[in-house]
Protein backbone atom coordinates (compact mmCIF):
# COMPACT_ATOMS: atom_id res chain seq x y z
CA MET A 1 23.37 3.22 -0.48
CA ARG A 2 21.62 4.62 2.19
CA LYS A 3 21.50 3.05 6.39
CA GLN A 4 18.08 1.58 7.10
CA ILE A 5 16.23 1.87 10.55
CA SER A 6 15.00 -1.77 10.99
CA LYS A 7 11.62 -2.90 11.23
CA ARG A 8 12.85 -3.76 14.78
CA ILE A 9 14.08 -0.25 16.05
CA LEU A 10 11.03 1.26 14.66
CA ALA A 11 8.85 -1.25 16.61
CA LEU A 12 10.75 -0.73 19.57
CA ALA A 13 10.25 3.42 19.64
CA ALA A 14 6.41 2.98 18.34
CA LEU A 15 6.26 -0.01 21.64
CA ALA A 16 8.08 2.72 24.15
CA ILE A 17 6.14 5.33 22.89
CA LEU A 18 2.86 3.83 23.16
CA ALA A 19 3.81 2.32 26.43
CA MET A 20 4.52 6.07 27.39
CA CYS A 21 0.99 7.17 25.59
CA ALA A 22 -1.74 7.64 28.35
CA THR A 23 -2.14 7.55 31.97
CA ALA A 24 -3.51 4.75 32.89
CA PHE A 25 -6.81 3.56 32.36
CA ALA A 26 -8.48 0.21 32.55
CA GLY A 27 -10.75 -1.12 30.00
CA PRO A 28 -12.42 0.94 28.04
CA LEU A 29 -9.91 2.90 26.13
CA GLU A 30 -8.82 1.49 23.21
CA SER A 31 -5.59 3.04 21.70
CA LEU A 32 -3.56 2.24 18.05
CA MET A 33 -0.05 3.63 17.25
CA GLU A 34 0.85 3.72 13.79
CA THR A 35 4.24 4.36 12.07
CA LEU A 36 3.47 6.82 8.84
CA LEU A 37 6.06 7.57 6.57
CA VAL A 38 5.53 11.03 4.94
CA THR A 39 7.02 11.00 1.40
CA LYS A 40 5.43 13.06 -1.85
CA ASP A 41 3.80 12.09 -4.84
CA ALA A 42 4.91 12.53 -8.55
CA ALA A 43 2.94 15.78 -8.71
CA GLY A 44 4.19 16.75 -5.07
CA ALA A 45 1.46 16.43 -2.88
CA GLU A 46 1.75 14.29 0.51
CA VAL A 47 1.43 10.89 0.86
CA LEU A 48 1.38 8.91 3.74
CA LYS A 49 1.90 5.19 4.72
CA LYS A 50 2.78 2.58 6.72
CA THR A 51 6.11 1.75 7.17
CA ASP A 52 8.60 -0.51 9.02
CA ALA A 53 11.34 1.00 7.98
CA ALA A 54 12.71 4.37 7.34
CA TYR A 55 15.75 5.91 5.90
CA PRO A 56 18.40 8.63 7.60
CA GLY A 57 17.08 12.03 6.04
CA ASP A 58 13.23 10.44 5.76
CA ILE A 59 10.53 11.96 8.12
CA VAL A 60 8.18 9.62 10.57
CA GLU A 61 4.77 10.61 11.20
CA TYR A 62 3.48 9.09 14.40
CA ARG A 63 0.14 8.64 15.41
CA THR A 64 -1.95 8.13 17.91
CA THR A 65 -5.63 6.90 18.27
CA TYR A 66 -7.78 6.81 21.70
CA ARG A 67 -11.06 5.64 21.46
CA ASN A 68 -13.43 5.55 24.23
CA ALA A 69 -15.30 2.31 24.28
CA GLY A 70 -17.03 2.38 27.34
CA ASP A 71 -20.59 3.84 28.27
CA SER A 72 -18.73 7.01 30.53
CA ALA A 73 -16.52 10.37 29.19
CA LEU A 74 -13.39 9.25 30.87
CA SER A 75 -11.09 12.29 31.95
CA GLY A 76 -7.55 12.70 32.61
CA LEU A 77 -6.14 11.28 29.29
CA VAL A 78 -2.27 12.78 28.90
CA VAL A 79 -0.83 11.64 25.68
CA GLN A 80 3.16 11.48 25.60
CA ILE A 81 5.44 10.62 23.32
CA PRO A 82 9.54 9.88 23.60
CA VAL A 83 11.40 11.90 20.88
CA PRO A 84 13.31 8.39 19.68
CA PRO A 85 16.98 8.20 19.80
CA ASN A 86 18.38 9.10 16.47
CA THR A 87 15.31 11.22 15.36
CA THR A 88 14.57 15.17 15.43
CA TYR A 89 10.99 16.62 16.30
CA VAL A 90 9.90 18.16 13.43
CA ALA A 91 8.91 21.85 14.33
CA GLY A 92 5.23 22.46 14.28
CA SER A 93 4.25 18.60 13.97
CA ALA A 94 2.33 18.14 17.40
CA ALA A 95 -1.36 18.43 16.26
CA SER A 96 -4.63 16.98 17.24
CA LEU A 97 -8.38 18.08 16.57
CA VAL A 98 -9.11 18.13 20.25
CA VAL A 99 -8.47 21.77 22.09
CA HIS A 100 -5.45 21.04 24.14
CA ASP A 101 -2.72 22.15 25.78
CA LEU A 102 0.96 21.05 23.81
CA LEU A 103 3.98 20.80 26.15
CA ILE A 104 7.74 20.19 25.61
CA SER A 105 10.31 18.48 28.30
CA ILE A 106 14.10 19.04 26.89
CA ASP A 107 15.19 16.88 29.72
CA GLY A 108 13.44 13.21 29.77
CA GLY A 109 10.23 14.19 30.88
CA ALA A 110 11.37 15.83 34.13
CA THR A 111 9.94 19.60 33.44
CA TRP A 112 7.61 20.29 30.80
CA ASP A 113 7.53 23.94 29.51
CA GLU A 114 4.80 25.68 26.31
CA GLU A 115 6.62 26.51 23.12
CA PRO A 116 8.70 28.82 22.74
CA VAL A 117 11.17 26.84 25.35
CA LYS A 118 13.19 29.08 26.90
CA ARG A 119 16.67 28.78 29.12
CA MET A 120 18.86 30.79 30.49
CA ARG A 121 22.51 29.60 29.13
CA GLN A 122 25.77 31.41 28.77
CA GLY A 123 26.22 33.03 25.92
CA GLU A 124 30.19 33.07 23.87
CA ASP A 125 30.77 36.61 26.00
CA GLY A 126 30.43 34.86 29.06
CA GLU A 127 27.16 36.82 29.45
CA LYS A 128 23.69 34.77 30.46
CA LYS A 129 21.15 35.00 28.09
CA GLU A 130 17.74 33.97 27.33
CA ILE A 131 17.38 32.06 24.48
CA ILE A 132 14.86 29.77 22.66
CA ILE A 133 15.31 26.55 22.76
CA GLY A 134 15.14 24.52 19.13
CA PRO A 135 13.33 21.26 18.21
CA GLU A 136 16.95 19.65 18.23
CA GLU A 137 16.76 19.36 22.15
CA TYR A 138 13.38 18.04 22.32
CA THR A 139 13.18 15.34 24.40
CA HIS A 140 9.08 14.43 24.73
CA ILE A 141 6.06 15.77 23.08
CA ARG A 142 2.76 15.80 25.16
CA TRP A 143 -0.83 16.59 24.76
CA VAL A 144 -3.19 17.61 27.53
CA PRO A 145 -7.04 17.24 26.27
CA LYS A 146 -8.68 20.41 27.52
CA ARG A 147 -11.67 17.92 28.01
CA ALA A 148 -13.05 14.22 28.73
CA ILE A 149 -13.17 11.91 25.86
CA GLN A 150 -17.15 11.24 25.70
CA PRO A 151 -18.29 7.23 25.02
CA GLY A 152 -17.40 6.24 20.95
CA GLU A 153 -15.82 9.31 20.74
CA VAL A 154 -12.42 8.95 18.92
CA GLN A 155 -9.48 11.47 20.08
CA VAL A 156 -6.09 11.47 17.42
CA PHE A 157 -2.52 12.80 18.33
CA ARG A 158 0.34 12.90 15.62
CA CYS A 159 3.58 14.44 15.35
CA ARG A 160 6.63 13.94 13.14
CA VAL A 161 10.29 13.34 13.23
CA LYS A 162 13.22 13.12 11.00
CA ILE A 163 15.39 10.19 11.14
CA SER A 164 19.06 11.31 11.75
């Protein structure tokens, strides 16, 4: 029997993510966070369905939608999510139709890098070498849109994690 990640854990992770998703905007910026289970149908086509539970090995997509409900453009939106505990970021899954810079943190959000994230590490031979850091070390994902969100506009940001 697979160990279930409970509704409470997913809800807490989603709330933590939502709390970190946007810079401080008062009023006109509306947001919605969805947690979707990624599965395949009988024909092998990908299916996304809302979920309140996931199991080790499952892939979950976090989708955050922002809507400008105001009368003027909003600039400075920064969308940031933590990679929740007991999950690993799925490489290449961070996406948006909005032109953006994608930044990665491997240290809890203290520093940010573009992919591929590189660091100097000591190898088995004792020599320091520059290595590429894999997605298993990612702690946060950040999208920085390159333009303001216009009145009535909707912007969607998504990424996936694999449950450990």
